[in-house]
Amino acid sequence: MTINIGINSRQIGDELTPTVNGRDLHRELGIGKDYTNWAKAQIKRGGFVENSDYVVLAQKGVNLTGGRPSAEYHFTVEAGKHIGMLSGTTKGREVRKYFLECERRVKSAAVPGVRDARTAALIEALVRQDTLEQEQVRQATELARLQENVAVIEARTQPENKHFTVMGYANLIGRSVDIRTAATLGRKCAALSREKGIVIGDVSDPRFGAVHSYHESILQEVLQATTAN
């Protein structure tokens, strides 16, 4: 991965903030359309706020085509990562990884393009924030897993209860299923339940609200068919 985007510091609001030149992003993402219109589109698409997520500076020099000098957009590193992610391209993912790598490497003073110690300190603050956010995601994921396990344990203590959520049943039989896969399997279970005239239950879930539950026989048939495929 070869990315050439320098990180500078700009005054955004009341603080000196790590920023990237929008033209660098435009070039690295391989965008064919006009830069200024592209930058405006990213601001609208990302819901960015001026003097918070970006600043606009007048380009120095004379506009050879006449009129006012063209505008320069400088985005925060966080906004730059968001733009890379929203592009939905391989290059966009590489750009986002580049910024993440810059943040990870700042503590060893090996951040590409960082030109002063104060900027490095600002990026280090971003590293701490990113670490905190990752920990919050990990804790939320672990809490969801524990809640699902509790539901499975409760179901095991009630032999007459033959209905389970997809994720609950998957945990019960020791199969790992993510949320997206569970939603797909749930649609199949719902269709098969209607076809066989078997009641579809509802379970209150603190994470997702009301979640459907299906009879054990339906879940067994659907999950076995999926495993076979």
C-alpha atoms as a PDB file:
ATOM      1  CA  MET A   1       0.000   0.000   0.000  1.00  0.00           C
ATOM      2  CA  THR A   2       1.607   3.256  -1.149  1.00  0.00           C
ATOM      3  CA  ILE A   3      -0.284   6.334   0.031  1.00  0.00           C
ATOM      4  CA  ASN A   4       1.151   9.834  -0.184  1.00  0.00           C
ATOM      5  CA  ILE A   5      -0.968  12.071   2.036  1.00  0.00           C
ATOM      6  CA  GLY A   6       0.763  14.520   4.337  1.00  0.00           C
ATOM      7  CA  ILE A   7      -0.694  15.354   7.751  1.00  0.00           C
ATOM      8  CA  ASN A   8      -0.536  19.003   8.781  1.00  0.00           C
ATOM      9  CA  SER A   9      -2.065  21.068  11.549  1.00  0.00           C
ATOM     10  CA  ARG A  10      -4.732  23.725  11.001  1.00  0.00           C
ATOM     11  CA  GLN A  11      -6.680  25.980  13.290  1.00  0.00           C
ATOM     12  CA  ILE A  12     -10.192  24.544  13.465  1.00  0.00           C
ATOM     13  CA  GLY A  13     -12.401  26.361  15.907  1.00  0.00           C
ATOM     14  CA  ASP A  14     -10.296  27.126  18.971  1.00  0.00           C
ATOM     15  CA  GLU A  15      -7.853  24.250  18.562  1.00  0.00           C
ATOM     16  CA  LEU A  16      -4.902  23.282  16.395  1.00  0.00           C
ATOM     17  CA  THR A  17      -6.055  20.063  14.747  1.00  0.00           C
ATOM     18  CA  PRO A  18      -4.383  17.412  12.523  1.00  0.00           C
ATOM     19  CA  THR A  19      -5.721  17.854   8.993  1.00  0.00           C
ATOM     20  CA  VAL A  20      -5.257  16.534   5.461  1.00  0.00           C
ATOM     21  CA  ASN A  21      -5.519  18.496   2.241  1.00  0.00           C
ATOM     22  CA  GLY A  22      -8.640  17.536   0.319  1.00  0.00           C
ATOM     23  CA  ARG A  23      -6.629  17.599  -2.915  1.00  0.00           C
ATOM     24  CA  ASP A  24      -4.383  14.836  -1.564  1.00  0.00           C
ATOM     25  CA  LEU A  25      -7.444  12.733  -0.773  1.00  0.00           C
ATOM     26  CA  HIS A  26      -8.928  13.488  -4.189  1.00  0.00           C
ATOM     27  CA  ARG A  27      -5.719  12.384  -5.900  1.00  0.00           C
ATOM     28  CA  GLU A  28      -5.123   9.257  -3.837  1.00  0.00           C
ATOM     29  CA  LEU A  29      -8.712   8.067  -4.262  1.00  0.00           C
ATOM     30  CA  GLY A  30      -8.337   8.413  -8.032  1.00  0.00           C
ATOM     31  CA  ILE A  31     -11.407  10.620  -8.418  1.00  0.00           C
ATOM     32  CA  GLY A  32     -12.073  11.690 -11.996  1.00  0.00           C
ATOM     33  CA  LYS A  33     -14.605  14.446 -11.310  1.00  0.00           C
ATOM     34  CA  ASP A  34     -13.829  18.104 -10.592  1.00  0.00           C
ATOM     35  CA  TYR A  35     -12.111  18.552  -7.203  1.00  0.00           C
ATOM     36  CA  THR A  36     -14.221  21.396  -5.809  1.00  0.00           C
ATOM     37  CA  ASN A  37     -17.536  19.727  -6.635  1.00  0.00           C
ATOM     38  CA  TRP A  38     -16.227  16.444  -5.243  1.00  0.00           C
ATOM     39  CA  ALA A  39     -15.163  18.114  -1.975  1.00  0.00           C
ATOM     40  CA  LYS A  40     -18.583  19.753  -1.587  1.00  0.00           C
ATOM     41  CA  ALA A  41     -20.250  16.398  -2.257  1.00  0.00           C
ATOM     42  CA  GLN A  42     -18.154  14.705   0.466  1.00  0.00           C
ATOM     43  CA  ILE A  43     -19.095  17.417   2.957  1.00  0.00           C
ATOM     44  CA  LYS A  44     -22.786  16.911   2.231  1.00  0.00           C
ATOM     45  CA  ARG A  45     -22.516  13.132   2.150  1.00  0.00           C
ATOM     46  CA  GLY A  46     -20.600  12.897   5.426  1.00  0.00           C
ATOM     47  CA  GLY A  47     -22.649  15.582   7.179  1.00  0.00           C
ATOM     48  CA  PHE A  48     -19.443  17.463   7.958  1.00  0.00           C
ATOM     49  CA  VAL A  49     -19.598  20.800   9.764  1.00  0.00           C
ATOM     50  CA  GLU A  50     -17.344  23.683   8.787  1.00  0.00           C
ATOM     51  CA  ASN A  51     -14.822  24.710  11.468  1.00  0.00           C
ATOM     52  CA  SER A  52     -15.415  21.384  13.167  1.00  0.00           C
ATOM     53  CA  ASP A  53     -14.739  18.680  10.562  1.00  0.00           C
ATOM     54  CA  TYR A  54     -13.063  20.885   7.949  1.00  0.00           C
ATOM     55  CA  VAL A  55     -11.949  24.402   7.064  1.00  0.00           C
ATOM     56  CA  VAL A  56     -12.037  26.235   3.762  1.00  0.00           C
ATOM     57  CA  LEU A  57      -9.053  28.366   2.767  1.00  0.00           C
ATOM     58  CA  ALA A  58      -8.653  30.542  -0.311  1.00  0.00           C
ATOM     59  CA  GLN A  59      -5.856  29.260  -2.535  1.00  0.00           C
ATOM     60  CA  LYS A  60      -2.974  31.704  -2.800  1.00  0.00           C
ATOM     61  CA  GLY A  61      -2.075  33.164  -6.181  1.00  0.00           C
ATOM     62  CA  VAL A  62      -4.058  34.190  -9.222  1.00  0.00           C
ATOM     63  CA  ASN A  63      -6.868  32.132 -10.721  1.00  0.00           C
ATOM     64  CA  LEU A  64      -5.764  31.813 -14.368  1.00  0.00           C
ATOM     65  CA  THR A  65      -9.337  31.215 -15.485  1.00  0.00           C
ATOM     66  CA  GLY A  66     -10.502  34.474 -13.905  1.00  0.00           C
ATOM     67  CA  GLY A  67     -12.767  35.058 -10.924  1.00  0.00           C
ATOM     68  CA  ARG A  68     -11.974  34.397  -7.301  1.00  0.00           C
ATOM     69  CA  PRO A  69      -9.148  32.054  -6.253  1.00  0.00           C
ATOM     70  CA  SER A  70     -10.298  28.445  -5.918  1.00  0.00           C
ATOM     71  CA  ALA A  71     -11.088  27.138  -2.437  1.00  0.00           C
ATOM     72  CA  GLU A  72      -8.910  24.669  -0.568  1.00  0.00           C
ATOM     73  CA  TYR A  73     -10.634  22.178   1.728  1.00  0.00           C
ATOM     74  CA  HIS A  74      -8.697  20.801   4.682  1.00  0.00           C
ATOM     75  CA  PHE A  75     -10.379  17.901   6.479  1.00  0.00           C
ATOM     76  CA  THR A  76      -9.659  16.545   9.947  1.00  0.00           C
ATOM     77  CA  VAL A  77      -8.013  13.114  10.017  1.00  0.00           C
ATOM     78  CA  GLU A  78     -11.278  11.656  11.311  1.00  0.00           C
ATOM     79  CA  ALA A  79     -13.192  13.177   8.382  1.00  0.00           C
ATOM     80  CA  GLY A  80     -10.508  11.858   6.011  1.00  0.00           C
ATOM     81  CA  LYS A  81     -10.990   8.321   7.355  1.00  0.00           C
ATOM     82  CA  HIS A  82     -14.748   8.711   6.907  1.00  0.00           C
ATOM     83  CA  ILE A  83     -14.340   9.872   3.303  1.00  0.00           C
ATOM     84  CA  GLY A  84     -12.129   6.878   2.560  1.00  0.00           C
ATOM     85  CA  MET A  85     -14.706   4.515   4.057  1.00  0.00           C
ATOM     86  CA  LEU A  86     -17.622   6.138   2.200  1.00  0.00           C
ATOM     87  CA  SER A  87     -15.863   5.791  -1.155  1.00  0.00           C
ATOM     88  CA  GLY A  88     -16.570   2.063  -1.035  1.00  0.00           C
ATOM     89  CA  THR A  89     -13.471   1.300  -3.112  1.00  0.00           C
ATOM     90  CA  THR A  90     -10.309  -0.664  -2.470  1.00  0.00           C
ATOM     91  CA  LYS A  91      -8.316   2.569  -2.644  1.00  0.00           C
ATOM     92  CA  GLY A  92     -10.668   4.166  -0.135  1.00  0.00           C
ATOM     93  CA  ARG A  93     -10.077   1.317   2.316  1.00  0.00           C
ATOM     94  CA  GLU A  94      -6.326   1.715   1.808  1.00  0.00           C
ATOM     95  CA  VAL A  95      -6.564   5.436   2.572  1.00  0.00           C
ATOM     96  CA  ARG A  96      -8.501   4.729   5.769  1.00  0.00           C
ATOM     97  CA  LYS A  97      -5.942   2.097   6.823  1.00  0.00           C
ATOM     98  CA  TYR A  98      -3.181   4.622   6.123  1.00  0.00           C
ATOM     99  CA  PHE A  99      -4.681   7.094   8.578  1.00  0.00           C
ATOM    100  CA  LEU A 100      -5.163   4.368  11.173  1.00  0.00           C
ATOM    101  CA  GLU A 101      -1.563   3.300  10.704  1.00  0.00           C
ATOM    102  CA  CYS A 102      -0.408   6.903  11.130  1.00  0.00           C
ATOM    103  CA  GLU A 103      -2.241   7.032  14.431  1.00  0.00           C
ATOM    104  CA  ARG A 104      -0.764   3.739  15.613  1.00  0.00           C
ATOM    105  CA  ARG A 105       2.778   4.733  14.712  1.00  0.00           C
ATOM    106  CA  VAL A 106       2.781   8.220  16.192  1.00  0.00           C
ATOM    107  CA  LYS A 107       4.065   6.987  19.570  1.00  0.00           C
ATOM    108  CA  SER A 108       7.224   5.721  17.913  1.00  0.00           C
ATOM    109  CA  ALA A 109       7.707   9.069  16.101  1.00  0.00           C
ATOM    110  CA  ALA A 110       7.381   7.353  12.716  1.00  0.00           C
ATOM    111  CA  VAL A 111       4.256   8.991  11.382  1.00  0.00           C
ATOM    112  CA  PRO A 112       4.635   9.762   7.634  1.00  0.00           C
ATOM    113  CA  GLY A 113       4.165  13.429   6.814  1.00  0.00           C
ATOM    114  CA  VAL A 114       3.969  14.777  10.399  1.00  0.00           C
ATOM    115  CA  ARG A 115       6.036  17.948  10.490  1.00  0.00           C
ATOM    116  CA  ASP A 116       6.000  19.083  14.085  1.00  0.00           C
ATOM    117  CA  ALA A 117       5.813  17.695  17.596  1.00  0.00           C
ATOM    118  CA  ARG A 118       2.546  19.422  18.400  1.00  0.00           C
ATOM    119  CA  THR A 119       0.814  17.736  15.491  1.00  0.00           C
ATOM    120  CA  ALA A 120       2.193  14.395  16.681  1.00  0.00           C
ATOM    121  CA  ALA A 121       0.737  15.074  20.135  1.00  0.00           C
ATOM    122  CA  LEU A 122      -2.638  15.868  18.605  1.00  0.00           C
ATOM    123  CA  ILE A 123      -2.634  12.640  16.623  1.00  0.00           C
ATOM    124  CA  GLU A 124      -1.673  10.756  19.775  1.00  0.00           C
ATOM    125  CA  ALA A 125      -4.859  12.083  21.340  1.00  0.00           C
ATOM    126  CA  LEU A 126      -6.724  10.613  18.373  1.00  0.00           C
ATOM    127  CA  VAL A 127      -5.023   7.285  19.022  1.00  0.00           C
ATOM    128  CA  ARG A 128      -6.301   7.293  22.588  1.00  0.00           C
ATOM    129  CA  GLN A 129      -9.813   8.160  21.392  1.00  0.00           C
ATOM    130  CA  ASP A 130      -9.720   5.393  18.773  1.00  0.00           C
ATOM    131  CA  THR A 131      -8.535   2.905  21.425  1.00  0.00           C
ATOM    132  CA  LEU A 132     -11.364   3.971  23.720  1.00  0.00           C
ATOM    133  CA  GLU A 133     -13.938   3.536  20.941  1.00  0.00           C
ATOM    134  CA  GLN A 134     -12.585   0.070  20.115  1.00  0.00           C
ATOM    135  CA  GLU A 135     -12.831  -0.923  23.775  1.00  0.00           C
ATOM    136  CA  GLN A 136     -16.424   0.315  23.915  1.00  0.00           C
ATOM    137  CA  VAL A 137     -17.276  -1.791  20.852  1.00  0.00           C
ATOM    138  CA  ARG A 138     -15.563  -4.824  22.410  1.00  0.00           C
ATOM    139  CA  GLN A 139     -17.486  -4.381  25.662  1.00  0.00           C
ATOM    140  CA  ALA A 140     -20.796  -3.987  23.810  1.00  0.00           C
ATOM    141  CA  THR A 141     -20.093  -7.134  21.803  1.00  0.00           C
ATOM    142  CA  GLU A 142     -19.178  -9.075  24.936  1.00  0.00           C
ATOM    143  CA  LEU A 143     -22.322  -7.838  26.716  1.00  0.00           C
ATOM    144  CA  ALA A 144     -24.471  -8.931  23.774  1.00  0.00           C
ATOM    145  CA  ARG A 145     -22.838 -12.386  23.838  1.00  0.00           C
ATOM    146  CA  LEU A 146     -23.422 -12.738  27.586  1.00  0.00           C
ATOM    147  CA  GLN A 147     -27.043 -11.652  27.250  1.00  0.00           C
ATOM    148  CA  GLU A 148     -27.604 -14.199  24.508  1.00  0.00           C
ATOM    149  CA  ASN A 149     -25.955 -16.910  26.624  1.00  0.00           C
ATOM    150  CA  VAL A 150     -28.247 -16.041  29.547  1.00  0.00           C
ATOM    151  CA  ALA A 151     -31.256 -16.451  27.257  1.00  0.00           C
ATOM    152  CA  VAL A 152     -29.981 -19.867  26.175  1.00  0.00           C
ATOM    153  CA  ILE A 153     -29.417 -20.957  29.777  1.00  0.00           C
ATOM    154  CA  GLU A 154     -32.955 -19.880  30.695  1.00  0.00           C
ATOM    155  CA  ALA A 155     -34.330 -21.832  27.741  1.00  0.00           C
ATOM    156  CA  ARG A 156     -32.424 -24.937  28.838  1.00  0.00           C
ATOM    157  CA  THR A 157     -34.061 -24.782  32.271  1.00  0.00           C
ATOM    158  CA  GLN A 158     -37.531 -24.786  30.676  1.00  0.00           C
ATOM    159  CA  PRO A 159     -37.890 -28.072  28.732  1.00  0.00           C
ATOM    160  CA  GLU A 160     -41.400 -27.134  27.586  1.00  0.00           C
ATOM    161  CA  ASN A 161     -40.040 -24.074  25.766  1.00  0.00           C
ATOM    162  CA  LYS A 162     -39.145 -25.224  22.275  1.00  0.00           C
ATOM    163  CA  HIS A 163     -38.779 -21.743  20.777  1.00  0.00           C
ATOM    164  CA  PHE A 164     -35.425 -19.998  20.429  1.00  0.00           C
ATOM    165  CA  THR A 165     -34.025 -16.947  18.683  1.00  0.00           C
ATOM    166  CA  VAL A 166     -31.643 -17.770  15.838  1.00  0.00           C
ATOM    167  CA  MET A 167     -28.599 -16.584  17.777  1.00  0.00           C
ATOM    168  CA  GLY A 168     -29.807 -18.286  20.944  1.00  0.00           C
ATOM    169  CA  TYR A 169     -30.195 -21.635  19.202  1.00  0.00           C
ATOM    170  CA  ALA A 170     -26.870 -21.201  17.393  1.00  0.00           C
ATOM    171  CA  ASN A 171     -25.151 -20.654  20.753  1.00  0.00           C
ATOM    172  CA  LEU A 172     -27.010 -23.627  22.188  1.00  0.00           C
ATOM    173  CA  ILE A 173     -25.582 -25.961  19.542  1.00  0.00           C
ATOM    174  CA  GLY A 174     -22.142 -24.335  19.612  1.00  0.00           C
ATOM    175  CA  ARG A 175     -22.307 -22.611  16.239  1.00  0.00           C
ATOM    176  CA  SER A 176     -20.934 -19.094  15.724  1.00  0.00           C
ATOM    177  CA  VAL A 177     -23.391 -16.798  13.912  1.00  0.00           C
ATOM    178  CA  ASP A 178     -22.990 -13.044  13.393  1.00  0.00           C
ATOM    179  CA  ILE A 179     -25.898 -10.599  13.353  1.00  0.00           C
ATOM    180  CA  ARG A 180     -26.109 -10.359   9.560  1.00  0.00           C
ATOM    181  CA  THR A 181     -26.139 -14.139   9.132  1.00  0.00           C
ATOM    182  CA  ALA A 182     -28.714 -14.448  11.918  1.00  0.00           C
ATOM    183  CA  ALA A 183     -31.008 -12.046  10.049  1.00  0.00           C
ATOM    184  CA  THR A 184     -30.716 -14.118   6.850  1.00  0.00           C
ATOM    185  CA  LEU A 185     -31.394 -17.367   8.721  1.00  0.00           C
ATOM    186  CA  GLY A 186     -34.312 -15.704  10.499  1.00  0.00           C
ATOM    187  CA  ARG A 187     -36.010 -14.916   7.184  1.00  0.00           C
ATOM    188  CA  LYS A 188     -35.649 -18.556   6.145  1.00  0.00           C
ATOM    189  CA  CYS A 189     -37.045 -19.736   9.476  1.00  0.00           C
ATOM    190  CA  ALA A 190     -39.998 -17.376   9.167  1.00  0.00           C
ATOM    191  CA  ALA A 191     -40.819 -18.607   5.655  1.00  0.00           C
ATOM    192  CA  LEU A 192     -40.552 -22.269   6.682  1.00  0.00           C
ATOM    193  CA  SER A 193     -42.655 -21.660   9.815  1.00  0.00           C
ATOM    194  CA  ARG A 194     -45.443 -20.112   7.749  1.00  0.00           C
ATOM    195  CA  GLU A 195     -45.220 -22.927   5.230  1.00  0.00           C
ATOM    196  CA  LYS A 196     -45.632 -25.550   7.967  1.00  0.00           C
ATOM    197  CA  GLY A 197     -48.129 -23.543  10.005  1.00  0.00           C
ATOM    198  CA  ILE A 198     -45.881 -23.350  13.055  1.00  0.00           C
ATOM    199  CA  VAL A 199     -46.276 -20.346  15.342  1.00  0.00           C
ATOM    200  CA  ILE A 200     -43.541 -17.688  15.291  1.00  0.00           C
ATOM    201  CA  GLY A 201     -42.857 -16.275  18.740  1.00  0.00           C
ATOM    202  CA  ASP A 202     -41.595 -12.896  19.894  1.00  0.00           C
ATOM    203  CA  VAL A 203     -38.864 -12.317  22.448  1.00  0.00           C
ATOM    204  CA  SER A 204     -37.976  -9.004  24.084  1.00  0.00           C
ATOM    205  CA  ASP A 205     -34.299  -8.248  23.422  1.00  0.00           C
ATOM    206  CA  PRO A 206     -32.635  -5.253  25.154  1.00  0.00           C
ATOM    207  CA  ARG A 207     -30.379  -4.733  22.113  1.00  0.00           C
ATOM    208  CA  PHE A 208     -32.805  -5.019  19.200  1.00  0.00           C
ATOM    209  CA  GLY A 209     -36.288  -4.697  20.704  1.00  0.00           C
ATOM    210  CA  ALA A 210     -38.706  -7.497  19.740  1.00  0.00           C
ATOM    211  CA  VAL A 211     -36.968 -10.469  18.101  1.00  0.00           C
ATOM    212  CA  HIS A 212     -38.689 -13.454  16.517  1.00  0.00           C
ATOM    213  CA  SER A 213     -38.221 -16.908  17.979  1.00  0.00           C
ATOM    214  CA  TYR A 214     -38.785 -20.148  16.083  1.00  0.00           C
ATOM    215  CA  HIS A 215     -39.596 -23.710  16.993  1.00  0.00           C
ATOM    216  CA  GLU A 216     -36.585 -25.926  17.558  1.00  0.00           C
ATOM    217  CA  SER A 217     -37.530 -28.169  14.623  1.00  0.00           C
ATOM    218  CA  ILE A 218     -37.538 -25.195  12.240  1.00  0.00           C
ATOM    219  CA  LEU A 219     -34.201 -23.917  13.487  1.00  0.00           C
ATOM    220  CA  GLN A 220     -32.666 -27.361  13.262  1.00  0.00           C
ATOM    221  CA  GLU A 221     -33.819 -27.820   9.663  1.00  0.00           C
ATOM    222  CA  VAL A 222     -32.673 -24.368   8.503  1.00  0.00           C
ATOM    223  CA  LEU A 223     -29.296 -24.432  10.233  1.00  0.00           C
ATOM    224  CA  GLN A 224     -28.562 -27.974   9.087  1.00  0.00           C
ATOM    225  CA  ALA A 225     -29.436 -27.039   5.485  1.00  0.00           C
ATOM    226  CA  THR A 226     -27.149 -24.002   5.705  1.00  0.00           C
ATOM    227  CA  THR A 227     -24.296 -26.100   7.087  1.00  0.00           C
ATOM    228  CA  ALA A 228     -24.747 -28.640   4.300  1.00  0.00           C
ATOM    229  CA  ASN A 229     -24.462 -25.884   1.690  1.00  0.00           C
END
